[in-house]
Amino acid sequence: MSTGDKLQNTGDKIKGAVKEAAGKAVGNERLEAEGKADRVKGDLKQAGEHVKDAFKG
């Protein structure tokens, strides 16, 4: 997994966590759900990269 991919995946997870927390704080369920989706997207991308790395090495 390249460093750029790691940073992007981590960025997605952080962005999701921030959105989720902001949604909870203001009572915005849509924002909270978007945050959860972004966080999961980052986790899935990271898992996919780990699978690719396993087959490379």
N, C-alpha and C. Protein backbone atom coordinates (compact mmCIF):
# COMPACT_ATOMS: atom_id res chain seq x y z
N MET A 1 0.86 -1.17 0.00
CA MET A 1 0.00 0.00 0.00
C MET A 1 0.90 1.22 0.00
N SER A 2 0.65 2.13 -0.91
CA SER A 2 1.48 3.32 -0.98
C SER A 2 1.13 4.30 0.14
N THR A 3 2.05 5.17 0.41
CA THR A 3 1.84 6.16 1.46
C THR A 3 0.66 7.07 1.12
N GLY A 4 0.51 7.41 -0.16
CA GLY A 4 -0.62 8.25 -0.57
C GLY A 4 -1.95 7.59 -0.31
N ASP A 5 -2.03 6.28 -0.58
CA ASP A 5 -3.26 5.53 -0.31
C ASP A 5 -3.56 5.50 1.18
N LYS A 6 -2.53 5.28 1.97
CA LYS A 6 -2.72 5.25 3.43
C LYS A 6 -3.24 6.58 3.93
N LEU A 7 -2.66 7.66 3.44
CA LEU A 7 -3.09 8.99 3.88
C LEU A 7 -4.52 9.28 3.45
N GLN A 8 -4.87 8.89 2.23
CA GLN A 8 -6.23 9.14 1.75
C GLN A 8 -7.24 8.33 2.57
N ASN A 9 -6.92 7.07 2.84
CA ASN A 9 -7.83 6.23 3.62
C ASN A 9 -7.98 6.76 5.03
N THR A 10 -6.87 7.18 5.63
CA THR A 10 -6.92 7.75 6.97
C THR A 10 -7.71 9.05 6.95
N GLY A 11 -7.53 9.84 5.89
CA GLY A 11 -8.28 11.09 5.75
C GLY A 11 -9.77 10.85 5.67
N ASP A 12 -10.18 9.81 4.92
CA ASP A 12 -11.60 9.47 4.83
C ASP A 12 -12.14 9.08 6.21
N LYS A 13 -11.35 8.31 6.95
CA LYS A 13 -11.81 7.87 8.27
C LYS A 13 -11.92 9.05 9.24
N ILE A 14 -10.96 9.96 9.19
CA ILE A 14 -10.99 11.13 10.07
C ILE A 14 -12.14 12.06 9.69
N LYS A 15 -12.29 12.30 8.39
CA LYS A 15 -13.39 13.15 7.91
C LYS A 15 -14.73 12.57 8.36
N GLY A 16 -14.86 11.26 8.26
CA GLY A 16 -16.09 10.60 8.68
C GLY A 16 -16.35 10.75 10.16
N ALA A 17 -15.29 10.59 10.95
CA ALA A 17 -15.44 10.72 12.40
C ALA A 17 -15.86 12.13 12.79
N VAL A 18 -15.27 13.13 12.12
CA VAL A 18 -15.61 14.53 12.41
C VAL A 18 -17.06 14.81 12.02
N LYS A 19 -17.46 14.37 10.83
CA LYS A 19 -18.85 14.57 10.40
C LYS A 19 -19.82 13.89 11.35
N GLU A 20 -19.48 12.67 11.74
CA GLU A 20 -20.36 11.92 12.64
C GLU A 20 -20.51 12.64 13.97
N ALA A 21 -19.39 13.11 14.52
CA ALA A 21 -19.44 13.82 15.80
C ALA A 21 -20.22 15.13 15.68
N ALA A 22 -20.02 15.85 14.58
CA ALA A 22 -20.74 17.10 14.38
C ALA A 22 -22.24 16.83 14.24
N GLY A 23 -22.58 15.78 13.53
CA GLY A 23 -23.99 15.43 13.38
C GLY A 23 -24.64 15.10 14.70
N LYS A 24 -23.91 14.37 15.54
CA LYS A 24 -24.44 14.04 16.87
C LYS A 24 -24.60 15.30 17.70
N ALA A 25 -23.61 16.19 17.62
CA ALA A 25 -23.62 17.39 18.45
C ALA A 25 -24.79 18.31 18.13
N VAL A 26 -25.13 18.43 16.85
CA VAL A 26 -26.21 19.35 16.46
C VAL A 26 -27.53 18.63 16.23
N GLY A 27 -27.53 17.32 16.39
CA GLY A 27 -28.77 16.57 16.21
C GLY A 27 -29.15 16.36 14.75
N ASN A 28 -28.16 16.38 13.86
CA ASN A 28 -28.41 16.21 12.43
C ASN A 28 -28.13 14.76 12.06
N GLU A 29 -29.18 13.98 11.93
CA GLU A 29 -29.03 12.55 11.65
C GLU A 29 -28.41 12.30 10.27
N ARG A 30 -28.72 13.14 9.31
CA ARG A 30 -28.16 12.96 7.97
C ARG A 30 -26.65 13.14 7.97
N LEU A 31 -26.17 14.18 8.64
CA LEU A 31 -24.73 14.43 8.73
C LEU A 31 -24.04 13.29 9.49
N GLU A 32 -24.67 12.82 10.53
CA GLU A 32 -24.13 11.71 11.30
C GLU A 32 -24.02 10.46 10.42
N ALA A 33 -25.05 10.18 9.62
CA ALA A 33 -25.04 9.03 8.73
C ALA A 33 -23.97 9.17 7.65
N GLU A 34 -23.81 10.38 7.11
CA GLU A 34 -22.76 10.61 6.11
C GLU A 34 -21.39 10.35 6.72
N GLY A 35 -21.20 10.77 7.95
CA GLY A 35 -19.93 10.54 8.64
C GLY A 35 -19.65 9.06 8.82
N LYS A 36 -20.66 8.32 9.21
CA LYS A 36 -20.48 6.87 9.36
C LYS A 36 -20.13 6.24 8.02
N ALA A 37 -20.78 6.69 6.95
CA ALA A 37 -20.52 6.14 5.62
C ALA A 37 -19.09 6.45 5.18
N ASP A 38 -18.62 7.67 5.42
CA ASP A 38 -17.25 8.04 5.06
C ASP A 38 -16.24 7.20 5.83
N ARG A 39 -16.52 6.98 7.11
CA ARG A 39 -15.62 6.20 7.95
C ARG A 39 -15.54 4.75 7.45
N VAL A 40 -16.68 4.18 7.12
CA VAL A 40 -16.72 2.81 6.62
C VAL A 40 -16.02 2.73 5.27
N LYS A 41 -16.21 3.74 4.42
CA LYS A 41 -15.56 3.77 3.12
C LYS A 41 -14.04 3.72 3.29
N GLY A 42 -13.51 4.49 4.22
CA GLY A 42 -12.07 4.47 4.49
C GLY A 42 -11.60 3.12 4.98
N ASP A 43 -12.39 2.50 5.86
CA ASP A 43 -12.03 1.17 6.37
C ASP A 43 -12.02 0.14 5.25
N LEU A 44 -13.01 0.19 4.36
CA LEU A 44 -13.09 -0.78 3.26
C LEU A 44 -11.94 -0.60 2.27
N LYS A 45 -11.61 0.64 1.97
CA LYS A 45 -10.49 0.91 1.07
C LYS A 45 -9.20 0.36 1.67
N GLN A 46 -9.02 0.60 2.95
CA GLN A 46 -7.82 0.13 3.62
C GLN A 46 -7.75 -1.39 3.62
N ALA A 47 -8.86 -2.04 3.86
CA ALA A 47 -8.90 -3.50 3.83
C ALA A 47 -8.58 -4.02 2.44
N GLY A 48 -9.10 -3.37 1.41
CA GLY A 48 -8.81 -3.76 0.03
C GLY A 48 -7.33 -3.62 -0.29
N GLU A 49 -6.71 -2.57 0.21
CA GLU A 49 -5.28 -2.38 -0.02
C GLU A 49 -4.47 -3.48 0.67
N HIS A 50 -4.90 -3.89 1.87
CA HIS A 50 -4.22 -4.97 2.58
C HIS A 50 -4.31 -6.27 1.80
N VAL A 51 -5.46 -6.53 1.20
CA VAL A 51 -5.63 -7.75 0.39
C VAL A 51 -4.69 -7.70 -0.82
N LYS A 52 -4.64 -6.55 -1.48
CA LYS A 52 -3.73 -6.41 -2.63
C LYS A 52 -2.28 -6.64 -2.22
N ASP A 53 -1.89 -6.08 -1.07
CA ASP A 53 -0.53 -6.25 -0.59
C ASP A 53 -0.23 -7.71 -0.28
N ALA A 54 -1.20 -8.43 0.24
CA ALA A 54 -0.99 -9.84 0.58
C ALA A 54 -0.70 -10.66 -0.68
N PHE A 55 -1.35 -10.32 -1.79
CA PHE A 55 -1.14 -11.08 -3.02
C PHE A 55 0.16 -10.66 -3.73
N LYS A 56 0.63 -9.47 -3.47
CA LYS A 56 1.88 -9.00 -4.09
C LYS A 56 3.10 -9.68 -3.47
N GLY A 57 3.04 -9.83 -2.15
CA GLY A 57 4.25 -10.24 -1.46
C GLY A 57 4.28 -11.62 -1.06
